[in-house]
Structure formats: C-alpha cells, structure tokens
Amino acid sequence: MEQRRLKTLIGVAMVGLGLVQAGSFALQSEWLPMVLGLLYSAIGTAYLWAEVYTVGQ
C-alpha cells in the first residue's frame, strides 16, 4: 500500500510541476519552456497510468 501511495505522489507531483512550469512560462510568452512543461506533465500522466492505475487491475 505504501509503495502505491508513493508512486501516486510522484506522478501527481510531476503533473503539477509540469503544469506550473507551463503556466508560468506561458505568461512570459516563452513557448519552448512552456511546451517542455506540458511534455513533463504528459510524462507524469503516463507514469500515473502505467505505475498506479494499470498495476492495480
């Protein structure tokens, strides 16, 4: 149970950090770092799907 909670926390942190980065760089009109933030958020979403949701099934 602890392992799943840790993986969930890591995935949610990746998604949140990516969205914060994308938002802050979008406000500054810095498009490449914004896209990289969105990519990081997508990787976090894929991590959540692969390590948390599909393992439990």
PDB file of N, CA and C in Angstrom:
ATOM      1  N   MET A   1       0.823  -1.193   0.000  1.00  0.00           N
ATOM      2  CA  MET A   1       0.000   0.000   0.000  1.00  0.00           C
ATOM      3  C   MET A   1       0.868   1.259   0.000  1.00  0.00           C
ATOM      4  N   GLU A   2       1.928   1.279   0.790  1.00  0.00           N
ATOM      5  CA  GLU A   2       2.811   2.447   0.837  1.00  0.00           C
ATOM      6  C   GLU A   2       3.489   2.697  -0.495  1.00  0.00           C
ATOM      7  N   GLN A   3       3.863   1.638  -1.183  1.00  0.00           N
ATOM      8  CA  GLN A   3       4.531   1.765  -2.473  1.00  0.00           C
ATOM      9  C   GLN A   3       3.603   2.434  -3.491  1.00  0.00           C
ATOM     10  N   ARG A   4       2.339   2.046  -3.495  1.00  0.00           N
ATOM     11  CA  ARG A   4       1.376   2.637  -4.428  1.00  0.00           C
ATOM     12  C   ARG A   4       1.140   4.113  -4.097  1.00  0.00           C
ATOM     13  N   ARG A   5       1.072   4.425  -2.817  1.00  0.00           N
ATOM     14  CA  ARG A   5       0.872   5.817  -2.408  1.00  0.00           C
ATOM     15  C   ARG A   5       2.056   6.684  -2.827  1.00  0.00           C
ATOM     16  N   LEU A   6       3.255   6.154  -2.687  1.00  0.00           N
ATOM     17  CA  LEU A   6       4.454   6.887  -3.089  1.00  0.00           C
ATOM     18  C   LEU A   6       4.471   7.120  -4.596  1.00  0.00           C
ATOM     19  N   LYS A   7       4.131   6.096  -5.364  1.00  0.00           N
ATOM     20  CA  LYS A   7       4.092   6.252  -6.818  1.00  0.00           C
ATOM     21  C   LYS A   7       3.018   7.248  -7.244  1.00  0.00           C
ATOM     22  N   THR A   8       1.896   7.241  -6.556  1.00  0.00           N
ATOM     23  CA  THR A   8       0.840   8.215  -6.848  1.00  0.00           C
ATOM     24  C   THR A   8       1.314   9.627  -6.543  1.00  0.00           C
ATOM     25  N   LEU A   9       1.983   9.797  -5.426  1.00  0.00           N
ATOM     26  CA  LEU A   9       2.504  11.118  -5.052  1.00  0.00           C
ATOM     27  C   LEU A   9       3.526  11.619  -6.066  1.00  0.00           C
ATOM     28  N   ILE A  10       4.408  10.738  -6.526  1.00  0.00           N
ATOM     29  CA  ILE A  10       5.406  11.120  -7.531  1.00  0.00           C
ATOM     30  C   ILE A  10       4.723  11.538  -8.831  1.00  0.00           C
ATOM     31  N   GLY A  11       3.749  10.765  -9.279  1.00  0.00           N
ATOM     32  CA  GLY A  11       3.041  11.093 -10.518  1.00  0.00           C
ATOM     33  C   GLY A  11       2.282  12.404 -10.440  1.00  0.00           C
ATOM     34  N   VAL A  12       1.588  12.608  -9.336  1.00  0.00           N
ATOM     35  CA  VAL A  12       0.827  13.855  -9.164  1.00  0.00           C
ATOM     36  C   VAL A  12       1.773  15.049  -9.080  1.00  0.00           C
ATOM     37  N   ALA A  13       2.912  14.871  -8.422  1.00  0.00           N
ATOM     38  CA  ALA A  13       3.894  15.954  -8.348  1.00  0.00           C
ATOM     39  C   ALA A  13       4.450  16.282  -9.730  1.00  0.00           C
ATOM     40  N   MET A  14       4.696  15.265 -10.546  1.00  0.00           N
ATOM     41  CA  MET A  14       5.199  15.506 -11.904  1.00  0.00           C
ATOM     42  C   MET A  14       4.173  16.290 -12.725  1.00  0.00           C
ATOM     43  N   VAL A  15       2.913  15.882 -12.637  1.00  0.00           N
ATOM     44  CA  VAL A  15       1.867  16.581 -13.389  1.00  0.00           C
ATOM     45  C   VAL A  15       1.734  18.016 -12.895  1.00  0.00           C
ATOM     46  N   GLY A  16       1.696  18.197 -11.592  1.00  0.00           N
ATOM     47  CA  GLY A  16       1.554  19.543 -11.039  1.00  0.00           C
ATOM     48  C   GLY A  16       2.717  20.450 -11.381  1.00  0.00           C
ATOM     49  N   LEU A  17       3.932  19.933 -11.251  1.00  0.00           N
ATOM     50  CA  LEU A  17       5.112  20.729 -11.570  1.00  0.00           C
ATOM     51  C   LEU A  17       5.136  21.109 -13.050  1.00  0.00           C
ATOM     52  N   GLY A  18       4.784  20.180 -13.906  1.00  0.00           N
ATOM     53  CA  GLY A  18       4.743  20.481 -15.336  1.00  0.00           C
ATOM     54  C   GLY A  18       3.719  21.553 -15.669  1.00  0.00           C
ATOM     55  N   LEU A  19       2.558  21.488 -15.025  1.00  0.00           N
ATOM     56  CA  LEU A  19       1.526  22.495 -15.290  1.00  0.00           C
ATOM     57  C   LEU A  19       1.919  23.866 -14.740  1.00  0.00           C
ATOM     58  N   VAL A  20       2.558  23.894 -13.583  1.00  0.00           N
ATOM     59  CA  VAL A  20       3.029  25.177 -13.027  1.00  0.00           C
ATOM     60  C   VAL A  20       4.084  25.776 -13.945  1.00  0.00           C
ATOM     61  N   GLN A  21       5.019  24.943 -14.412  1.00  0.00           N
ATOM     62  CA  GLN A  21       6.059  25.434 -15.313  1.00  0.00           C
ATOM     63  C   GLN A  21       5.437  25.948 -16.617  1.00  0.00           C
ATOM     64  N   ALA A  22       4.515  25.189 -17.171  1.00  0.00           N
ATOM     65  CA  ALA A  22       3.886  25.608 -18.432  1.00  0.00           C
ATOM     66  C   ALA A  22       3.124  26.915 -18.244  1.00  0.00           C
ATOM     67  N   GLY A  23       2.407  27.035 -17.145  1.00  0.00           N
ATOM     68  CA  GLY A  23       1.641  28.254 -16.900  1.00  0.00           C
ATOM     69  C   GLY A  23       2.517  29.474 -16.705  1.00  0.00           C
ATOM     70  N   SER A  24       3.576  29.316 -15.928  1.00  0.00           N
ATOM     71  CA  SER A  24       4.432  30.475 -15.673  1.00  0.00           C
ATOM     72  C   SER A  24       5.172  30.919 -16.934  1.00  0.00           C
ATOM     73  N   PHE A  25       5.617  29.976 -17.751  1.00  0.00           N
ATOM     74  CA  PHE A  25       6.299  30.362 -18.976  1.00  0.00           C
ATOM     75  C   PHE A  25       5.324  30.873 -20.039  1.00  0.00           C
ATOM     76  N   ALA A  26       4.088  30.410 -20.015  1.00  0.00           N
ATOM     77  CA  ALA A  26       3.096  30.934 -20.961  1.00  0.00           C
ATOM     78  C   ALA A  26       2.805  32.401 -20.662  1.00  0.00           C
ATOM     79  N   LEU A  27       2.786  32.766 -19.384  1.00  0.00           N
ATOM     80  CA  LEU A  27       2.557  34.171 -19.021  1.00  0.00           C
ATOM     81  C   LEU A  27       3.690  35.068 -19.490  1.00  0.00           C
ATOM     82  N   GLN A  28       4.877  34.501 -19.641  1.00  0.00           N
ATOM     83  CA  GLN A  28       6.034  35.270 -20.095  1.00  0.00           C
ATOM     84  C   GLN A  28       6.256  35.134 -21.602  1.00  0.00           C
ATOM     85  N   SER A  29       5.366  34.456 -22.293  1.00  0.00           N
ATOM     86  CA  SER A  29       5.455  34.216 -23.734  1.00  0.00           C
ATOM     87  C   SER A  29       6.730  33.468 -24.121  1.00  0.00           C
ATOM     88  N   GLU A  30       7.148  32.569 -23.276  1.00  0.00           N
ATOM     89  CA  GLU A  30       8.287  31.692 -23.563  1.00  0.00           C
ATOM     90  C   GLU A  30       7.708  30.344 -23.981  1.00  0.00           C
ATOM     91  N   TRP A  31       7.643  30.103 -25.279  1.00  0.00           N
ATOM     92  CA  TRP A  31       6.874  28.963 -25.780  1.00  0.00           C
ATOM     93  C   TRP A  31       7.604  27.630 -25.670  1.00  0.00           C
ATOM     94  N   LEU A  32       8.901  27.588 -25.896  1.00  0.00           N
ATOM     95  CA  LEU A  32       9.623  26.319 -25.802  1.00  0.00           C
ATOM     96  C   LEU A  32       9.617  25.765 -24.372  1.00  0.00           C
ATOM     97  N   PRO A  33       9.946  26.552 -23.346  1.00  0.00           N
ATOM     98  CA  PRO A  33       9.848  26.008 -21.987  1.00  0.00           C
ATOM     99  C   PRO A  33       8.409  25.638 -21.601  1.00  0.00           C
ATOM    100  N   MET A  34       7.424  26.358 -22.156  1.00  0.00           N
ATOM    101  CA  MET A  34       6.032  26.020 -21.886  1.00  0.00           C
ATOM    102  C   MET A  34       5.699  24.642 -22.445  1.00  0.00           C
ATOM    103  N   VAL A  35       6.145  24.384 -23.671  1.00  0.00           N
ATOM    104  CA  VAL A  35       5.886  23.083 -24.297  1.00  0.00           C
ATOM    105  C   VAL A  35       6.609  21.980 -23.522  1.00  0.00           C
ATOM    106  N   LEU A  36       7.817  22.261 -23.053  1.00  0.00           N
ATOM    107  CA  LEU A  36       8.544  21.272 -22.265  1.00  0.00           C
ATOM    108  C   LEU A  36       7.828  20.993 -20.933  1.00  0.00           C
ATOM    109  N   GLY A  37       7.223  21.994 -20.344  1.00  0.00           N
ATOM    110  CA  GLY A  37       6.428  21.790 -19.130  1.00  0.00           C
ATOM    111  C   GLY A  37       5.216  20.914 -19.397  1.00  0.00           C
ATOM    112  N   LEU A  38       4.565  21.150 -20.534  1.00  0.00           N
ATOM    113  CA  LEU A  38       3.428  20.307 -20.903  1.00  0.00           C
ATOM    114  C   LEU A  38       3.869  18.875 -21.181  1.00  0.00           C
ATOM    115  N   LEU A  39       5.037  18.728 -21.786  1.00  0.00           N
ATOM    116  CA  LEU A  39       5.578  17.401 -22.043  1.00  0.00           C
ATOM    117  C   LEU A  39       5.877  16.689 -20.726  1.00  0.00           C
ATOM    118  N   TYR A  40       6.456  17.400 -19.776  1.00  0.00           N
ATOM    119  CA  TYR A  40       6.746  16.825 -18.463  1.00  0.00           C
ATOM    120  C   TYR A  40       5.453  16.401 -17.767  1.00  0.00           C
ATOM    121  N   SER A  41       4.416  17.202 -17.918  1.00  0.00           N
ATOM    122  CA  SER A  41       3.126  16.866 -17.341  1.00  0.00           C
ATOM    123  C   SER A  41       2.535  15.623 -18.013  1.00  0.00           C
ATOM    124  N   ALA A  42       2.706  15.510 -19.316  1.00  0.00           N
ATOM    125  CA  ALA A  42       2.219  14.322 -20.039  1.00  0.00           C
ATOM    126  C   ALA A  42       2.986  13.076 -19.609  1.00  0.00           C
ATOM    127  N   ILE A  43       4.282  13.214 -19.379  1.00  0.00           N
ATOM    128  CA  ILE A  43       5.073  12.078 -18.890  1.00  0.00           C
ATOM    129  C   ILE A  43       4.585  11.672 -17.501  1.00  0.00           C
ATOM    130  N   GLY A  44       4.262  12.631 -16.669  1.00  0.00           N
ATOM    131  CA  GLY A  44       3.719  12.331 -15.346  1.00  0.00           C
ATOM    132  C   GLY A  44       2.382  11.610 -15.435  1.00  0.00           C
ATOM    133  N   THR A  45       1.554  12.014 -16.380  1.00  0.00           N
ATOM    134  CA  THR A  45       0.270  11.343 -16.585  1.00  0.00           C
ATOM    135  C   THR A  45       0.481   9.908 -17.049  1.00  0.00           C
ATOM    136  N   ALA A  46       1.412   9.706 -17.965  1.00  0.00           N
ATOM    137  CA  ALA A  46       1.718   8.352 -18.433  1.00  0.00           C
ATOM    138  C   ALA A  46       2.280   7.507 -17.293  1.00  0.00           C
ATOM    139  N   TYR A  47       3.102   8.102 -16.445  1.00  0.00           N
ATOM    140  CA  TYR A  47       3.646   7.393 -15.288  1.00  0.00           C
ATOM    141  C   TYR A  47       2.524   6.964 -14.347  1.00  0.00           C
ATOM    142  N   LEU A  48       1.598   7.874 -14.079  1.00  0.00           N
ATOM    143  CA  LEU A  48       0.457   7.523 -13.232  1.00  0.00           C
ATOM    144  C   LEU A  48      -0.335   6.371 -13.836  1.00  0.00           C
ATOM    145  N   TRP A  49      -0.582   6.435 -15.119  1.00  0.00           N
ATOM    146  CA  TRP A  49      -1.365   5.394 -15.774  1.00  0.00           C
ATOM    147  C   TRP A  49      -0.636   4.057 -15.735  1.00  0.00           C
ATOM    148  N   ALA A  50       0.654   4.072 -16.018  1.00  0.00           N
ATOM    149  CA  ALA A  50       1.415   2.823 -16.111  1.00  0.00           C
ATOM    150  C   ALA A  50       1.726   2.224 -14.742  1.00  0.00           C
ATOM    151  N   GLU A  51       2.069   3.051 -13.770  1.00  0.00           N
ATOM    152  CA  GLU A  51       2.553   2.536 -12.494  1.00  0.00           C
ATOM    153  C   GLU A  51       1.484   2.439 -11.411  1.00  0.00           C
ATOM    154  N   VAL A  52       0.398   3.186 -11.544  1.00  0.00           N
ATOM    155  CA  VAL A  52      -0.588   3.194 -10.473  1.00  0.00           C
ATOM    156  C   VAL A  52      -1.887   2.529 -10.909  1.00  0.00           C
ATOM    157  N   TYR A  53      -2.460   2.980 -12.022  1.00  0.00           N
ATOM    158  CA  TYR A  53      -3.789   2.520 -12.379  1.00  0.00           C
ATOM    159  C   TYR A  53      -3.805   1.142 -13.019  1.00  0.00           C
ATOM    160  N   THR A  54      -2.865   0.839 -13.922  1.00  0.00           N
ATOM    161  CA  THR A  54      -2.896  -0.465 -14.585  1.00  0.00           C
ATOM    162  C   THR A  54      -2.320  -1.578 -13.717  1.00  0.00           C
ATOM    163  N   VAL A  55      -1.443  -1.255 -12.773  1.00  0.00           N
ATOM    164  CA  VAL A  55      -0.867  -2.281 -11.909  1.00  0.00           C
ATOM    165  C   VAL A  55      -1.937  -2.806 -10.942  1.00  0.00           C
ATOM    166  N   GLY A  56      -2.837  -1.937 -10.543  1.00  0.00           N
ATOM    167  CA  GLY A  56      -3.888  -2.339  -9.603  1.00  0.00           C
ATOM    168  C   GLY A  56      -4.945  -3.240 -10.207  1.00  0.00           C
ATOM    169  N   GLN A  57      -5.013  -3.352 -11.505  1.00  0.00           N
ATOM    170  CA  GLN A  57      -6.055  -4.149 -12.145  1.00  0.00           C
ATOM    171  C   GLN A  57      -5.649  -5.576 -12.321  1.00  0.00           C
TER     172      GLN A  57
END
